[in-house]
Amino acid sequence: LFTRPANYFVAGFIGSPAMNMLACTVGPEGAEYA
């Protein structure tokens, strides 16, 4: 559960503090955040 969460919800629910979730846009070079 910790190393391979099946989806976004499990990833954010399991772990304390919670996993950082970065909302990225997809560009030519990859996923971009800041």
PDB file of all heavy atoms in Angstrom:
ATOM      1  N   LEU A   1       0.831  -1.203   0.000  1.00  0.00           N
ATOM      2  CA  LEU A   1       0.000   0.000   0.000  1.00  0.00           C
ATOM      3  C   LEU A   1       0.867   1.254   0.000  1.00  0.00           C
ATOM      4  O   LEU A   1       0.548   2.251  -0.654  1.00  0.00           O
ATOM      5  CB  LEU A   1      -0.908   0.026   1.235  1.00  0.00           C
ATOM      6  CG  LEU A   1      -2.174  -0.818   1.221  1.00  0.00           C
ATOM      7  CD1 LEU A   1      -2.913  -0.627   2.536  1.00  0.00           C
ATOM      8  CD2 LEU A   1      -3.086  -0.463   0.064  1.00  0.00           C
ATOM      9  N   PHE A   2       1.955   1.201   0.759  1.00  0.00           N
ATOM     10  CA  PHE A   2       2.820   2.372   0.893  1.00  0.00           C
ATOM     11  C   PHE A   2       3.662   2.599  -0.357  1.00  0.00           C
ATOM     12  O   PHE A   2       3.821   3.735  -0.811  1.00  0.00           O
ATOM     13  CB  PHE A   2       3.733   2.187   2.111  1.00  0.00           C
ATOM     14  CG  PHE A   2       4.491   3.419   2.512  1.00  0.00           C
ATOM     15  CD1 PHE A   2       3.901   4.394   3.299  1.00  0.00           C
ATOM     16  CD2 PHE A   2       5.803   3.609   2.106  1.00  0.00           C
ATOM     17  CE1 PHE A   2       4.591   5.538   3.670  1.00  0.00           C
ATOM     18  CE2 PHE A   2       6.505   4.740   2.467  1.00  0.00           C
ATOM     19  CZ  PHE A   2       5.894   5.710   3.258  1.00  0.00           C
ATOM     20  N   THR A   3       4.172   1.501  -0.921  1.00  0.00           N
ATOM     21  CA  THR A   3       5.112   1.651  -2.048  1.00  0.00           C
ATOM     22  C   THR A   3       4.431   1.649  -3.411  1.00  0.00           C
ATOM     23  O   THR A   3       4.969   2.204  -4.366  1.00  0.00           O
ATOM     24  CB  THR A   3       6.171   0.535  -2.024  1.00  0.00           C
ATOM     25  OG1 THR A   3       5.516  -0.746  -2.092  1.00  0.00           O
ATOM     26  CG2 THR A   3       6.997   0.603  -0.747  1.00  0.00           C
ATOM     27  N   ARG A   4       3.227   1.016  -3.515  1.00  0.00           N
ATOM     28  CA  ARG A   4       2.540   0.952  -4.811  1.00  0.00           C
ATOM     29  C   ARG A   4       1.043   1.200  -4.629  1.00  0.00           C
ATOM     30  O   ARG A   4       0.229   0.287  -4.851  1.00  0.00           O
ATOM     31  CB  ARG A   4       2.769  -0.401  -5.485  1.00  0.00           C
ATOM     32  CG  ARG A   4       4.151  -0.568  -6.082  1.00  0.00           C
ATOM     33  CD  ARG A   4       4.208  -1.789  -6.980  1.00  0.00           C
ATOM     34  NE  ARG A   4       3.222  -1.745  -8.060  1.00  0.00           N
ATOM     35  CZ  ARG A   4       3.370  -1.061  -9.182  1.00  0.00           C
ATOM     36  NH1 ARG A   4       4.448  -0.332  -9.385  1.00  0.00           N
ATOM     37  NH2 ARG A   4       2.435  -1.093 -10.114  1.00  0.00           N
ATOM     38  N   PRO A   5       0.659   2.398  -4.192  1.00  0.00           N
ATOM     39  CA  PRO A   5      -0.774   2.685  -4.068  1.00  0.00           C
ATOM     40  C   PRO A   5      -1.471   2.572  -5.416  1.00  0.00           C
ATOM     41  O   PRO A   5      -0.938   3.003  -6.438  1.00  0.00           O
ATOM     42  CB  PRO A   5      -0.802   4.124  -3.535  1.00  0.00           C
ATOM     43  CG  PRO A   5       0.532   4.707  -3.907  1.00  0.00           C
ATOM     44  CD  PRO A   5       1.495   3.563  -3.882  1.00  0.00           C
ATOM     45  N   ALA A   6      -2.668   1.973  -5.423  1.00  0.00           N
ATOM     46  CA  ALA A   6      -3.356   1.670  -6.684  1.00  0.00           C
ATOM     47  C   ALA A   6      -3.941   2.905  -7.346  1.00  0.00           C
ATOM     48  O   ALA A   6      -4.147   2.920  -8.557  1.00  0.00           O
ATOM     49  CB  ALA A   6      -4.466   0.648  -6.441  1.00  0.00           C
ATOM     50  N   ASN A   7      -4.236   3.933  -6.537  1.00  0.00           N
ATOM     51  CA  ASN A   7      -4.842   5.126  -7.122  1.00  0.00           C
ATOM     52  C   ASN A   7      -4.536   6.360  -6.276  1.00  0.00           C
ATOM     53  O   ASN A   7      -3.884   6.266  -5.222  1.00  0.00           O
ATOM     54  CB  ASN A   7      -6.356   4.942  -7.314  1.00  0.00           C
ATOM     55  CG  ASN A   7      -7.067   4.593  -6.018  1.00  0.00           C
ATOM     56  OD1 ASN A   7      -6.747   5.118  -4.956  1.00  0.00           O
ATOM     57  ND2 ASN A   7      -8.051   3.701  -6.097  1.00  0.00           N
ATOM     58  N   TYR A   8      -5.015   7.478  -6.743  1.00  0.00           N
ATOM     59  CA  TYR A   8      -4.756   8.778  -6.114  1.00  0.00           C
ATOM     60  C   TYR A   8      -5.246   8.794  -4.676  1.00  0.00           C
ATOM     61  O   TYR A   8      -4.567   9.316  -3.777  1.00  0.00           O
ATOM     62  CB  TYR A   8      -5.459   9.855  -6.940  1.00  0.00           C
ATOM     63  CG  TYR A   8      -5.236  11.278  -6.484  1.00  0.00           C
ATOM     64  CD1 TYR A   8      -4.246  12.065  -7.068  1.00  0.00           C
ATOM     65  CD2 TYR A   8      -6.026  11.855  -5.495  1.00  0.00           C
ATOM     66  CE1 TYR A   8      -4.050  13.376  -6.669  1.00  0.00           C
ATOM     67  CE2 TYR A   8      -5.834  13.164  -5.081  1.00  0.00           C
ATOM     68  CZ  TYR A   8      -4.849  13.918  -5.673  1.00  0.00           C
ATOM     69  OH  TYR A   8      -4.649  15.212  -5.265  1.00  0.00           O
ATOM     70  N   PHE A   9      -6.449   8.222  -4.420  1.00  0.00           N
ATOM     71  CA  PHE A   9      -7.003   8.255  -3.069  1.00  0.00           C
ATOM     72  C   PHE A   9      -6.129   7.474  -2.098  1.00  0.00           C
ATOM     73  O   PHE A   9      -5.804   7.972  -1.015  1.00  0.00           O
ATOM     74  CB  PHE A   9      -8.427   7.688  -3.056  1.00  0.00           C
ATOM     75  CG  PHE A   9      -8.986   7.565  -1.665  1.00  0.00           C
ATOM     76  CD1 PHE A   9      -9.465   8.680  -0.999  1.00  0.00           C
ATOM     77  CD2 PHE A   9      -8.997   6.337  -1.005  1.00  0.00           C
ATOM     78  CE1 PHE A   9      -9.951   8.576   0.304  1.00  0.00           C
ATOM     79  CE2 PHE A   9      -9.481   6.227   0.282  1.00  0.00           C
ATOM     80  CZ  PHE A   9      -9.967   7.344   0.940  1.00  0.00           C
ATOM     81  N   VAL A  10      -5.768   6.259  -2.445  1.00  0.00           N
ATOM     82  CA  VAL A  10      -4.946   5.437  -1.547  1.00  0.00           C
ATOM     83  C   VAL A  10      -3.605   6.115  -1.293  1.00  0.00           C
ATOM     84  O   VAL A  10      -3.102   6.135  -0.162  1.00  0.00           O
ATOM     85  CB  VAL A  10      -4.741   4.025  -2.133  1.00  0.00           C
ATOM     86  CG1 VAL A  10      -3.801   3.211  -1.253  1.00  0.00           C
ATOM     87  CG2 VAL A  10      -6.073   3.306  -2.277  1.00  0.00           C
ATOM     88  N   ALA A  11      -3.025   6.701  -2.333  1.00  0.00           N
ATOM     89  CA  ALA A  11      -1.733   7.380  -2.188  1.00  0.00           C
ATOM     90  C   ALA A  11      -1.817   8.512  -1.168  1.00  0.00           C
ATOM     91  O   ALA A  11      -0.911   8.686  -0.337  1.00  0.00           O
ATOM     92  CB  ALA A  11      -1.279   7.929  -3.536  1.00  0.00           C
ATOM     93  N   GLY A  12      -2.899   9.275  -1.215  1.00  0.00           N
ATOM     94  CA  GLY A  12      -3.041  10.397  -0.300  1.00  0.00           C
ATOM     95  C   GLY A  12      -3.489   9.989   1.087  1.00  0.00           C
ATOM     96  O   GLY A  12      -3.241  10.699   2.066  1.00  0.00           O
ATOM     97  N   PHE A  13      -4.141   8.811   1.187  1.00  0.00           N
ATOM     98  CA  PHE A  13      -4.676   8.393   2.480  1.00  0.00           C
ATOM     99  C   PHE A  13      -3.640   7.668   3.328  1.00  0.00           C
ATOM    100  O   PHE A  13      -3.598   7.830   4.555  1.00  0.00           O
ATOM    101  CB  PHE A  13      -5.894   7.480   2.265  1.00  0.00           C
ATOM    102  CG  PHE A  13      -6.610   7.133   3.537  1.00  0.00           C
ATOM    103  CD1 PHE A  13      -7.499   8.013   4.118  1.00  0.00           C
ATOM    104  CD2 PHE A  13      -6.367   5.918   4.166  1.00  0.00           C
ATOM    105  CE1 PHE A  13      -8.143   7.707   5.299  1.00  0.00           C
ATOM    106  CE2 PHE A  13      -7.017   5.600   5.353  1.00  0.00           C
ATOM    107  CZ  PHE A  13      -7.905   6.493   5.926  1.00  0.00           C
ATOM    108  N   ILE A  14      -2.801   6.871   2.690  1.00  0.00           N
ATOM    109  CA  ILE A  14      -1.824   6.066   3.420  1.00  0.00           C
ATOM    110  C   ILE A  14      -0.521   6.832   3.569  1.00  0.00           C
ATOM    111  O   ILE A  14       0.053   7.297   2.592  1.00  0.00           O
ATOM    112  CB  ILE A  14      -1.570   4.724   2.701  1.00  0.00           C
ATOM    113  CG1 ILE A  14      -2.845   3.883   2.668  1.00  0.00           C
ATOM    114  CG2 ILE A  14      -0.438   3.956   3.368  1.00  0.00           C
ATOM    115  CD1 ILE A  14      -3.362   3.442   4.014  1.00  0.00           C
ATOM    116  N   GLY A  15      -0.050   6.933   4.798  1.00  0.00           N
ATOM    117  CA  GLY A  15       1.192   7.649   5.079  1.00  0.00           C
ATOM    118  C   GLY A  15       0.934   8.858   5.957  1.00  0.00           C
ATOM    119  O   GLY A  15      -0.092   9.529   5.823  1.00  0.00           O
ATOM    120  N   SER A  16       1.848   9.123   6.890  1.00  0.00           N
ATOM    121  CA  SER A  16       1.696  10.268   7.792  1.00  0.00           C
ATOM    122  C   SER A  16       3.070  10.912   8.010  1.00  0.00           C
ATOM    123  O   SER A  16       3.996  10.248   8.502  1.00  0.00           O
ATOM    124  CB  SER A  16       1.111   9.809   9.133  1.00  0.00           C
ATOM    125  OG  SER A  16       0.915  10.899   9.999  1.00  0.00           O
ATOM    126  N   PRO A  17       3.218  12.194   7.624  1.00  0.00           N
ATOM    127  CA  PRO A  17       2.263  13.036   6.900  1.00  0.00           C
ATOM    128  C   PRO A  17       1.921  12.449   5.536  1.00  0.00           C
ATOM    129  O   PRO A  17       2.638  11.590   5.038  1.00  0.00           O
ATOM    130  CB  PRO A  17       3.006  14.370   6.746  1.00  0.00           C
ATOM    131  CG  PRO A  17       4.099  14.348   7.755  1.00  0.00           C
ATOM    132  CD  PRO A  17       4.484  12.914   7.894  1.00  0.00           C
ATOM    133  N   ALA A  18       0.828  12.941   4.979  1.00  0.00           N
ATOM    134  CA  ALA A  18       0.342  12.402   3.711  1.00  0.00           C
ATOM    135  C   ALA A  18       1.327  12.675   2.581  1.00  0.00           C
ATOM    136  O   ALA A  18       2.158  13.593   2.637  1.00  0.00           O
ATOM    137  CB  ALA A  18      -1.007  13.027   3.369  1.00  0.00           C
ATOM    138  N   MET A  19       1.222  11.844   1.546  1.00  0.00           N
ATOM    139  CA  MET A  19       2.037  12.034   0.348  1.00  0.00           C
ATOM    140  C   MET A  19       1.760  13.415  -0.262  1.00  0.00           C
ATOM    141  O   MET A  19       0.615  13.868  -0.308  1.00  0.00           O
ATOM    142  CB  MET A  19       1.706  10.939  -0.670  1.00  0.00           C
ATOM    143  CG  MET A  19       2.513  11.007  -1.954  1.00  0.00           C
ATOM    144  SD  MET A  19       1.995   9.789  -3.192  1.00  0.00           S
ATOM    145  CE  MET A  19       2.590   8.272  -2.472  1.00  0.00           C
ATOM    146  N   ASN A  20       2.817  14.081  -0.707  1.00  0.00           N
ATOM    147  CA  ASN A  20       2.647  15.327  -1.452  1.00  0.00           C
ATOM    148  C   ASN A  20       2.089  14.999  -2.829  1.00  0.00           C
ATOM    149  O   ASN A  20       2.609  14.127  -3.525  1.00  0.00           O
ATOM    150  CB  ASN A  20       3.993  16.037  -1.613  1.00  0.00           C
ATOM    151  CG  ASN A  20       4.613  16.447  -0.292  1.00  0.00           C
ATOM    152  OD1 ASN A  20       4.023  17.222   0.451  1.00  0.00           O
ATOM    153  ND2 ASN A  20       5.795  15.928  -0.003  1.00  0.00           N
ATOM    154  N   MET A  21       1.012  15.673  -3.221  1.00  0.00           N
ATOM    155  CA  MET A  21       0.404  15.445  -4.534  1.00  0.00           C
ATOM    156  C   MET A  21       0.518  16.739  -5.342  1.00  0.00           C
ATOM    157  O   MET A  21      -0.049  17.773  -4.974  1.00  0.00           O
ATOM    158  CB  MET A  21      -1.055  15.029  -4.387  1.00  0.00           C
ATOM    159  CG  MET A  21      -1.271  13.786  -3.524  1.00  0.00           C
ATOM    160  SD  MET A  21      -0.402  12.307  -4.087  1.00  0.00           S
ATOM    161  CE  MET A  21      -1.322  11.910  -5.565  1.00  0.00           C
ATOM    162  N   LEU A  22       1.248  16.682  -6.434  1.00  0.00           N
ATOM    163  CA  LEU A  22       1.500  17.850  -7.275  1.00  0.00           C
ATOM    164  C   LEU A  22       0.648  17.764  -8.533  1.00  0.00           C
ATOM    165  O   LEU A  22       0.760  16.803  -9.303  1.00  0.00           O
ATOM    166  CB  LEU A  22       2.980  17.922  -7.651  1.00  0.00           C
ATOM    167  CG  LEU A  22       3.992  17.774  -6.503  1.00  0.00           C
ATOM    168  CD1 LEU A  22       5.422  17.817  -7.045  1.00  0.00           C
ATOM    169  CD2 LEU A  22       3.779  18.859  -5.452  1.00  0.00           C
ATOM    170  N   ALA A  23      -0.221  18.758  -8.723  1.00  0.00           N
ATOM    171  CA  ALA A  23      -1.079  18.804  -9.911  1.00  0.00           C
ATOM    172  C   ALA A  23      -0.282  19.397 -11.066  1.00  0.00           C
ATOM    173  O   ALA A  23      -0.060  20.612 -11.135  1.00  0.00           O
ATOM    174  CB  ALA A  23      -2.323  19.629  -9.630  1.00  0.00           C
ATOM    175  N   CYS A  24       0.165  18.539 -11.975  1.00  0.00           N
ATOM    176  CA  CYS A  24       1.072  18.953 -13.045  1.00  0.00           C
ATOM    177  C   CYS A  24       0.346  19.050 -14.390  1.00  0.00           C
ATOM    178  O   CYS A  24      -0.597  18.301 -14.652  1.00  0.00           O
ATOM    179  CB  CYS A  24       2.216  17.954 -13.184  1.00  0.00           C
ATOM    180  SG  CYS A  24       3.161  17.693 -11.674  1.00  0.00           S
ATOM    181  N   THR A  25       0.835  19.922 -15.223  1.00  0.00           N
ATOM    182  CA  THR A  25       0.373  19.972 -16.611  1.00  0.00           C
ATOM    183  C   THR A  25       1.375  19.195 -17.470  1.00  0.00           C
ATOM    184  O   THR A  25       2.573  19.155 -17.175  1.00  0.00           O
ATOM    185  CB  THR A  25       0.273  21.424 -17.109  1.00  0.00           C
ATOM    186  OG1 THR A  25       1.536  22.074 -16.921  1.00  0.00           O
ATOM    187  CG2 THR A  25      -0.801  22.181 -16.340  1.00  0.00           C
ATOM    188  N   VAL A  26       0.851  18.580 -18.530  1.00  0.00           N
ATOM    189  CA  VAL A  26       1.697  17.776 -19.401  1.00  0.00           C
ATOM    190  C   VAL A  26       2.218  18.640 -20.548  1.00  0.00           C
ATOM    191  O   VAL A  26       1.439  19.235 -21.301  1.00  0.00           O
ATOM    192  CB  VAL A  26       0.923  16.566 -19.958  1.00  0.00           C
ATOM    193  CG1 VAL A  26       1.795  15.779 -20.940  1.00  0.00           C
ATOM    194  CG2 VAL A  26       0.460  15.666 -18.819  1.00  0.00           C
ATOM    195  N   GLY A  27       3.547  18.740 -20.630  1.00  0.00           N
ATOM    196  CA  GLY A  27       4.171  19.516 -21.695  1.00  0.00           C
ATOM    197  C   GLY A  27       5.098  18.643 -22.520  1.00  0.00           C
ATOM    198  O   GLY A  27       5.215  17.433 -22.286  1.00  0.00           O
ATOM    199  N   PRO A  28       5.791  19.228 -23.481  1.00  0.00           N
ATOM    200  CA  PRO A  28       6.695  18.455 -24.354  1.00  0.00           C
ATOM    201  C   PRO A  28       7.804  17.740 -23.581  1.00  0.00           C
ATOM    202  O   PRO A  28       8.232  16.654 -23.964  1.00  0.00           O
ATOM    203  CB  PRO A  28       7.267  19.510 -25.298  1.00  0.00           C
ATOM    204  CG  PRO A  28       6.306  20.652 -25.234  1.00  0.00           C
ATOM    205  CD  PRO A  28       5.734  20.643 -23.858  1.00  0.00           C
ATOM    206  N   GLU A  29       8.275  18.358 -22.496  1.00  0.00           N
ATOM    207  CA  GLU A  29       9.387  17.776 -21.739  1.00  0.00           C
ATOM    208  C   GLU A  29       8.923  16.801 -20.667  1.00  0.00           C
ATOM    209  O   GLU A  29       9.730  16.052 -20.113  1.00  0.00           O
ATOM    210  CB  GLU A  29      10.219  18.891 -21.081  1.00  0.00           C
ATOM    211  CG  GLU A  29      10.778  19.916 -22.048  1.00  0.00           C
ATOM    212  CD  GLU A  29      11.707  19.268 -23.065  1.00  0.00           C
ATOM    213  OE1 GLU A  29      12.498  18.381 -22.661  1.00  0.00           O
ATOM    214  OE2 GLU A  29      11.642  19.639 -24.256  1.00  0.00           O
ATOM    215  N   GLY A  30       7.627  16.843 -20.333  1.00  0.00           N
ATOM    216  CA  GLY A  30       7.122  15.968 -19.286  1.00  0.00           C
ATOM    217  C   GLY A  30       6.081  16.667 -18.436  1.00  0.00           C
ATOM    218  O   GLY A  30       5.421  17.623 -18.882  1.00  0.00           O
ATOM    219  N   ALA A  31       5.900  16.194 -17.211  1.00  0.00           N
ATOM    220  CA  ALA A  31       4.956  16.799 -16.273  1.00  0.00           C
ATOM    221  C   ALA A  31       5.628  17.992 -15.607  1.00  0.00           C
ATOM    222  O   ALA A  31       6.725  17.860 -15.045  1.00  0.00           O
ATOM    223  CB  ALA A  31       4.511  15.773 -15.231  1.00  0.00           C
ATOM    224  N   GLU A  32       4.981  19.152 -15.668  1.00  0.00           N
ATOM    225  CA  GLU A  32       5.611  20.375 -15.186  1.00  0.00           C
ATOM    226  C   GLU A  32       4.865  20.923 -13.964  1.00  0.00           C
ATOM    227  O   GLU A  32       3.640  21.011 -13.952  1.00  0.00           O
ATOM    228  CB  GLU A  32       5.612  21.422 -16.301  1.00  0.00           C
ATOM    229  CG  GLU A  32       6.400  20.977 -17.531  1.00  0.00           C
ATOM    230  CD  GLU A  32       6.234  21.925 -18.712  1.00  0.00           C
ATOM    231  OE1 GLU A  32       5.423  22.870 -18.594  1.00  0.00           O
ATOM    232  OE2 GLU A  32       6.901  21.712 -19.738  1.00  0.00           O
ATOM    233  N   TYR A  33       5.653  21.253 -12.934  1.00  0.00           N
ATOM    234  CA  TYR A  33       5.097  21.850 -11.717  1.00  0.00           C
ATOM    235  C   TYR A  33       6.115  22.853 -11.199  1.00  0.00           C
ATOM    236  O   TYR A  33       7.235  22.483 -10.825  1.00  0.00           O
ATOM    237  CB  TYR A  33       4.816  20.788 -10.662  1.00  0.00           C
ATOM    238  CG  TYR A  33       4.123  21.323  -9.430  1.00  0.00           C
ATOM    239  CD1 TYR A  33       2.732  21.392  -9.372  1.00  0.00           C
ATOM    240  CD2 TYR A  33       4.846  21.773  -8.342  1.00  0.00           C
ATOM    241  CE1 TYR A  33       2.076  21.884  -8.260  1.00  0.00           C
ATOM    242  CE2 TYR A  33       4.209  22.280  -7.216  1.00  0.00           C
ATOM    243  CZ  TYR A  33       2.828  22.328  -7.183  1.00  0.00           C
ATOM    244  OH  TYR A  33       2.189  22.825  -6.064  1.00  0.00           O
ATOM    245  N   ALA A  34       5.706  24.127 -11.165  1.00  0.00           N
ATOM    246  CA  ALA A  34       6.622  25.199 -10.767  1.00  0.00           C
ATOM    247  C   ALA A  34       7.900  25.063 -11.591  1.00  0.00           C
ATOM    248  O   ALA A  34       7.836  24.973 -12.820  1.00  0.00           O
ATOM    249  CB  ALA A  34       6.888  25.141  -9.262  1.00  0.00           C
TER     250      ALA A  34
END
